Amino acid sequence: MKGIVFTEFLEMVEETFGLEVTEQIIEESSLPSEGIYTSVGTYDFNEMVSLLTQLSKTVDIPANKLLHTFGLYLFDSLGKAHPDIIENYKSPLALLMSIEDHIHVHVKKLYPDAELPTFTIVDKTDNSLSMIYNSSRGLYCLAQGLMEKCFIHFNGSAHISYELLKEDGTQVKFDIVQHG
């Protein structure tokens, strides 16, 4: 997993829960990297699982809720790092419909070894979108947070629901209906 995800996750933890909690989860996770990440490095996904699990225990918040919160946080961070990508779109639905054809293509240029989820559009209208999320990592709550923040970024709102197609969250159908 790309280091930028680790560095942004730890920044979110520090901003939300404080430096003490951040240091505690790093220490209690027994990480091979010792919690030292660079945004350009690549690290074992299991380290993220350890950090998330430890944070969930420490702050008594379910891991999926923390992942959702991280998705909200990560959208802004990625937008600041790569504003040119978001500026190409006039609406949140347009951005979401281009994840595979444009955004992930751009990410792969920057991080050729990144393991990205796939999003397959199964239905779309002027104000709605249904798509299937596929990822061996099952981080669909992170994806939902990113989607929600996308609408906030464009000063819009939407109802985003999901259906687990596989119980472990590796395949999820998202239904998005834009309001207004």
C-alpha atoms as a PDB file:
ATOM      1  CA  MET A   1       0.000   0.000   0.000  1.00  0.00           C
ATOM      2  CA  LYS A   2       1.296   3.445  -0.898  1.00  0.00           C
ATOM      3  CA  GLY A   3       2.909   5.450   1.852  1.00  0.00           C
ATOM      4  CA  ILE A   4       0.751   8.485   1.190  1.00  0.00           C
ATOM      5  CA  VAL A   5      -2.221   6.542   2.562  1.00  0.00           C
ATOM      6  CA  PHE A   6      -0.276   5.748   5.747  1.00  0.00           C
ATOM      7  CA  THR A   7       0.966   9.305   6.232  1.00  0.00           C
ATOM      8  CA  GLU A   8      -2.513  10.746   5.649  1.00  0.00           C
ATOM      9  CA  PHE A   9      -4.081   8.177   7.985  1.00  0.00           C
ATOM     10  CA  LEU A  10      -1.666   9.052  10.783  1.00  0.00           C
ATOM     11  CA  GLU A  11      -2.221  12.777  10.190  1.00  0.00           C
ATOM     12  CA  MET A  12      -5.972  12.222  10.496  1.00  0.00           C
ATOM     13  CA  VAL A  13      -5.482  10.241  13.708  1.00  0.00           C
ATOM     14  CA  GLU A  14      -3.293  12.971  15.182  1.00  0.00           C
ATOM     15  CA  GLU A  15      -5.687  15.771  14.192  1.00  0.00           C
ATOM     16  CA  THR A  16      -8.738  13.874  15.441  1.00  0.00           C
ATOM     17  CA  PHE A  17      -7.474  12.002  18.501  1.00  0.00           C
ATOM     18  CA  GLY A  18      -4.154  13.665  19.359  1.00  0.00           C
ATOM     19  CA  LEU A  19      -0.466  12.847  19.235  1.00  0.00           C
ATOM     20  CA  GLU A  20      -0.648  10.571  22.282  1.00  0.00           C
ATOM     21  CA  VAL A  21      -3.181   8.248  20.623  1.00  0.00           C
ATOM     22  CA  THR A  22      -1.154   8.289  17.388  1.00  0.00           C
ATOM     23  CA  GLU A  23       2.015   7.260  19.223  1.00  0.00           C
ATOM     24  CA  GLN A  24       0.108   4.657  21.240  1.00  0.00           C
ATOM     25  CA  ILE A  25      -1.387   2.890  18.216  1.00  0.00           C
ATOM     26  CA  ILE A  26       1.987   2.850  16.444  1.00  0.00           C
ATOM     27  CA  GLU A  27       3.685   1.390  19.516  1.00  0.00           C
ATOM     28  CA  GLU A  28       0.982  -1.207  20.225  1.00  0.00           C
ATOM     29  CA  SER A  29       0.749  -2.332  16.601  1.00  0.00           C
ATOM     30  CA  SER A  30       4.287  -3.817  16.522  1.00  0.00           C
ATOM     31  CA  LEU A  31       4.915  -2.662  12.957  1.00  0.00           C
ATOM     32  CA  PRO A  32       7.881  -3.898  10.889  1.00  0.00           C
ATOM     33  CA  SER A  33       8.335  -0.304   9.648  1.00  0.00           C
ATOM     34  CA  GLU A  34       8.099   0.961  13.257  1.00  0.00           C
ATOM     35  CA  GLY A  35       5.485   3.416  11.975  1.00  0.00           C
ATOM     36  CA  ILE A  36       8.002   5.394   9.944  1.00  0.00           C
ATOM     37  CA  TYR A  37       6.393   6.134   6.581  1.00  0.00           C
ATOM     38  CA  THR A  38       7.177   8.344   3.626  1.00  0.00           C
ATOM     39  CA  SER A  39       4.524   9.387   1.156  1.00  0.00           C
ATOM     40  CA  VAL A  40       6.477   7.836  -1.728  1.00  0.00           C
ATOM     41  CA  GLY A  41       7.234   4.505  -0.037  1.00  0.00           C
ATOM     42  CA  THR A  42       5.288   1.263  -0.282  1.00  0.00           C
ATOM     43  CA  TYR A  43       4.310  -0.664   2.851  1.00  0.00           C
ATOM     44  CA  ASP A  44       2.584  -3.887   3.749  1.00  0.00           C
ATOM     45  CA  PHE A  45      -1.207  -3.553   3.817  1.00  0.00           C
ATOM     46  CA  ASN A  46      -1.225  -5.564   7.051  1.00  0.00           C
ATOM     47  CA  GLU A  47       0.402  -2.592   8.767  1.00  0.00           C
ATOM     48  CA  MET A  48      -2.645  -0.482   7.900  1.00  0.00           C
ATOM     49  CA  VAL A  49      -4.903  -3.224   9.228  1.00  0.00           C
ATOM     50  CA  SER A  50      -2.882  -3.269  12.467  1.00  0.00           C
ATOM     51  CA  LEU A  51      -3.032   0.512  12.853  1.00  0.00           C
ATOM     52  CA  LEU A  52      -6.761   0.604  12.132  1.00  0.00           C
ATOM     53  CA  THR A  53      -7.496  -2.296  14.476  1.00  0.00           C
ATOM     54  CA  GLN A  54      -5.457  -0.730  17.258  1.00  0.00           C
ATOM     55  CA  LEU A  55      -7.103   2.666  16.744  1.00  0.00           C
ATOM     56  CA  SER A  56     -10.536   1.055  16.872  1.00  0.00           C
ATOM     57  CA  LYS A  57      -9.670  -0.611  20.202  1.00  0.00           C
ATOM     58  CA  THR A  58      -8.076   2.529  21.630  1.00  0.00           C
ATOM     59  CA  VAL A  59     -10.887   4.978  20.807  1.00  0.00           C
ATOM     60  CA  ASP A  60     -13.745   2.431  20.926  1.00  0.00           C
ATOM     61  CA  ILE A  61     -15.065   3.262  17.468  1.00  0.00           C
ATOM     62  CA  PRO A  62     -15.797   0.509  14.908  1.00  0.00           C
ATOM     63  CA  ALA A  63     -13.124   0.115  12.242  1.00  0.00           C
ATOM     64  CA  ASN A  64     -15.577   0.707   9.372  1.00  0.00           C
ATOM     65  CA  LYS A  65     -16.674   4.016  10.910  1.00  0.00           C
ATOM     66  CA  LEU A  66     -13.001   5.025  11.178  1.00  0.00           C
ATOM     67  CA  LEU A  67     -12.426   4.024   7.540  1.00  0.00           C
ATOM     68  CA  HIS A  68     -15.413   6.144   6.494  1.00  0.00           C
ATOM     69  CA  THR A  69     -14.013   9.111   8.426  1.00  0.00           C
ATOM     70  CA  PHE A  70     -10.642   8.538   6.784  1.00  0.00           C
ATOM     71  CA  GLY A  71     -12.295   8.590   3.338  1.00  0.00           C
ATOM     72  CA  LEU A  72     -13.783  12.002   4.127  1.00  0.00           C
ATOM     73  CA  TYR A  73     -10.355  13.218   5.240  1.00  0.00           C
ATOM     74  CA  LEU A  74      -8.449  11.649   2.350  1.00  0.00           C
ATOM     75  CA  PHE A  75     -10.533  13.335  -0.364  1.00  0.00           C
ATOM     76  CA  ASP A  76      -9.375  16.765   0.805  1.00  0.00           C
ATOM     77  CA  SER A  77      -5.757  15.645   1.101  1.00  0.00           C
ATOM     78  CA  LEU A  78      -5.709  14.124  -2.368  1.00  0.00           C
ATOM     79  CA  GLY A  79      -7.493  17.182  -3.752  1.00  0.00           C
ATOM     80  CA  LYS A  80      -4.806  19.460  -2.342  1.00  0.00           C
ATOM     81  CA  ALA A  81      -2.019  17.234  -3.670  1.00  0.00           C
ATOM     82  CA  HIS A  82      -3.595  16.880  -7.132  1.00  0.00           C
ATOM     83  CA  PRO A  83      -6.037  19.777  -7.674  1.00  0.00           C
ATOM     84  CA  ASP A  84      -5.681  19.504 -11.452  1.00  0.00           C
ATOM     85  CA  ILE A  85      -7.499  16.168 -11.429  1.00  0.00           C
ATOM     86  CA  ILE A  86     -10.583  17.426  -9.594  1.00  0.00           C
ATOM     87  CA  GLU A  87     -10.651  20.695 -11.539  1.00  0.00           C
ATOM     88  CA  ASN A  88     -11.322  18.682 -14.720  1.00  0.00           C
ATOM     89  CA  TYR A  89     -14.867  17.940 -13.498  1.00  0.00           C
ATOM     90  CA  LYS A  90     -17.962  20.106 -13.232  1.00  0.00           C
ATOM     91  CA  SER A  91     -19.989  17.754 -11.017  1.00  0.00           C
ATOM     92  CA  PRO A  92     -19.516  14.991  -8.464  1.00  0.00           C
ATOM     93  CA  LEU A  93     -21.248  12.411 -10.646  1.00  0.00           C
ATOM     94  CA  ALA A  94     -18.943  13.233 -13.557  1.00  0.00           C
ATOM     95  CA  LEU A  95     -15.929  12.726 -11.304  1.00  0.00           C
ATOM     96  CA  LEU A  96     -17.257   9.449  -9.906  1.00  0.00           C
ATOM     97  CA  MET A  97     -18.077   8.133 -13.388  1.00  0.00           C
ATOM     98  CA  SER A  98     -14.472   8.745 -14.447  1.00  0.00           C
ATOM     99  CA  ILE A  99     -12.715   6.897 -11.631  1.00  0.00           C
ATOM    100  CA  GLU A 100     -11.578   4.030 -13.853  1.00  0.00           C
ATOM    101  CA  ASP A 101     -10.982   5.905 -17.105  1.00  0.00           C
ATOM    102  CA  HIS A 102      -9.198   8.955 -15.758  1.00  0.00           C
ATOM    103  CA  ILE A 103      -8.475   9.116 -12.027  1.00  0.00           C
ATOM    104  CA  HIS A 104      -7.054   5.618 -11.605  1.00  0.00           C
ATOM    105  CA  VAL A 105      -5.085   6.009 -14.857  1.00  0.00           C
ATOM    106  CA  HIS A 106      -3.494   9.139 -13.376  1.00  0.00           C
ATOM    107  CA  VAL A 107      -2.819   7.356 -10.055  1.00  0.00           C
ATOM    108  CA  LYS A 108      -1.142   4.460 -11.894  1.00  0.00           C
ATOM    109  CA  LYS A 109       1.186   6.924 -13.645  1.00  0.00           C
ATOM    110  CA  LEU A 110       2.227   8.327 -10.274  1.00  0.00           C
ATOM    111  CA  TYR A 111       2.280   4.977  -8.445  1.00  0.00           C
ATOM    112  CA  PRO A 112       2.690   2.131 -10.969  1.00  0.00           C
ATOM    113  CA  ASP A 113       2.552  -0.593  -8.312  1.00  0.00           C
ATOM    114  CA  ALA A 114      -0.557   0.746  -6.538  1.00  0.00           C
ATOM    115  CA  GLU A 115      -3.268  -1.859  -5.968  1.00  0.00           C
ATOM    116  CA  LEU A 116      -6.448   0.070  -6.698  1.00  0.00           C
ATOM    117  CA  PRO A 117     -10.037  -1.059  -6.368  1.00  0.00           C
ATOM    118  CA  THR A 118     -12.118  -1.253  -9.516  1.00  0.00           C
ATOM    119  CA  PHE A 119     -15.442   0.489 -10.051  1.00  0.00           C
ATOM    120  CA  THR A 120     -17.761  -0.866 -12.719  1.00  0.00           C
ATOM    121  CA  ILE A 121     -20.695   1.342 -13.657  1.00  0.00           C
ATOM    122  CA  VAL A 122     -23.870  -0.724 -13.964  1.00  0.00           C
ATOM    123  CA  ASP A 123     -26.413   2.090 -14.389  1.00  0.00           C
ATOM    124  CA  LYS A 124     -26.425   5.859 -14.713  1.00  0.00           C
ATOM    125  CA  THR A 125     -28.867   8.679 -15.255  1.00  0.00           C
ATOM    126  CA  ASP A 126     -28.543  12.454 -15.062  1.00  0.00           C
ATOM    127  CA  ASN A 127     -28.843  12.352 -11.276  1.00  0.00           C
ATOM    128  CA  SER A 128     -27.955   8.804 -10.243  1.00  0.00           C
ATOM    129  CA  LEU A 129     -25.204   6.257 -10.513  1.00  0.00           C
ATOM    130  CA  SER A 130     -24.922   2.586  -9.589  1.00  0.00           C
ATOM    131  CA  MET A 131     -21.529   0.962  -9.560  1.00  0.00           C
ATOM    132  CA  ILE A 132     -19.809  -2.150  -8.289  1.00  0.00           C
ATOM    133  CA  TYR A 133     -16.734  -1.750  -6.085  1.00  0.00           C
ATOM    134  CA  ASN A 134     -14.256  -4.652  -6.221  1.00  0.00           C
ATOM    135  CA  SER A 135     -11.175  -4.878  -4.027  1.00  0.00           C
ATOM    136  CA  SER A 136      -9.442  -7.715  -2.238  1.00  0.00           C
ATOM    137  CA  ARG A 137      -8.959  -5.291   0.662  1.00  0.00           C
ATOM    138  CA  GLY A 138     -12.628  -4.632   1.340  1.00  0.00           C
ATOM    139  CA  LEU A 139     -12.211  -0.931   2.128  1.00  0.00           C
ATOM    140  CA  TYR A 140     -15.674  -0.001   0.869  1.00  0.00           C
ATOM    141  CA  CYS A 141     -16.324   2.315   3.834  1.00  0.00           C
ATOM    142  CA  LEU A 142     -13.245   4.313   2.815  1.00  0.00           C
ATOM    143  CA  ALA A 143     -14.665   4.498  -0.729  1.00  0.00           C
ATOM    144  CA  GLN A 144     -18.029   5.663   0.627  1.00  0.00           C
ATOM    145  CA  GLY A 145     -16.339   8.453   2.595  1.00  0.00           C
ATOM    146  CA  LEU A 146     -14.461   9.564  -0.538  1.00  0.00           C
ATOM    147  CA  MET A 147     -17.736   9.601  -2.499  1.00  0.00           C
ATOM    148  CA  GLU A 148     -19.560  11.609   0.154  1.00  0.00           C
ATOM    149  CA  LYS A 149     -16.768  14.187   0.349  1.00  0.00           C
ATOM    150  CA  CYS A 150     -16.822  14.451  -3.445  1.00  0.00           C
ATOM    151  CA  PHE A 151     -20.400  15.756  -3.231  1.00  0.00           C
ATOM    152  CA  ILE A 152     -19.485  18.145  -0.422  1.00  0.00           C
ATOM    153  CA  HIS A 153     -16.565  19.440  -2.493  1.00  0.00           C
ATOM    154  CA  PHE A 154     -18.948  20.321  -5.326  1.00  0.00           C
ATOM    155  CA  ASN A 155     -21.456  21.883  -2.883  1.00  0.00           C
ATOM    156  CA  GLY A 156     -23.894  19.107  -3.626  1.00  0.00           C
ATOM    157  CA  SER A 157     -25.594  16.363  -1.693  1.00  0.00           C
ATOM    158  CA  ALA A 158     -26.563  12.805  -2.394  1.00  0.00           C
ATOM    159  CA  HIS A 159     -27.955   9.695  -0.830  1.00  0.00           C
ATOM    160  CA  ILE A 160     -25.303   6.978  -1.043  1.00  0.00           C
ATOM    161  CA  SER A 161     -26.346   3.474  -0.112  1.00  0.00           C
ATOM    162  CA  TYR A 162     -24.559   0.195  -0.532  1.00  0.00           C
ATOM    163  CA  GLU A 163     -25.244  -3.509  -0.668  1.00  0.00           C
ATOM    164  CA  LEU A 164     -22.579  -6.042   0.220  1.00  0.00           C
ATOM    165  CA  LEU A 165     -22.415  -8.484  -2.675  1.00  0.00           C
ATOM    166  CA  LYS A 166     -19.779 -10.464  -0.794  1.00  0.00           C
ATOM    167  CA  GLU A 167     -19.986 -10.619   2.978  1.00  0.00           C
ATOM    168  CA  ASP A 168     -16.317  -9.648   3.456  1.00  0.00           C
ATOM    169  CA  GLY A 169     -16.880  -6.331   1.658  1.00  0.00           C
ATOM    170  CA  THR A 170     -14.642  -7.154  -1.294  1.00  0.00           C
ATOM    171  CA  GLN A 171     -17.542  -6.644  -3.703  1.00  0.00           C
ATOM    172  CA  VAL A 172     -20.102  -3.933  -2.973  1.00  0.00           C
ATOM    173  CA  LYS A 173     -22.805  -2.257  -5.045  1.00  0.00           C
ATOM    174  CA  PHE A 174     -23.101   1.496  -4.461  1.00  0.00           C
ATOM    175  CA  ASP A 175     -26.270   3.350  -5.407  1.00  0.00           C
ATOM    176  CA  ILE A 176     -25.890   7.126  -5.527  1.00  0.00           C
ATOM    177  CA  VAL A 177     -28.779   9.537  -5.987  1.00  0.00           C
ATOM    178  CA  GLN A 178     -27.856  13.204  -6.249  1.00  0.00           C
ATOM    179  CA  HIS A 179     -30.229  15.719  -4.627  1.00  0.00           C
ATOM    180  CA  GLY A 180     -31.252  18.958  -6.280  1.00  0.00           C
END
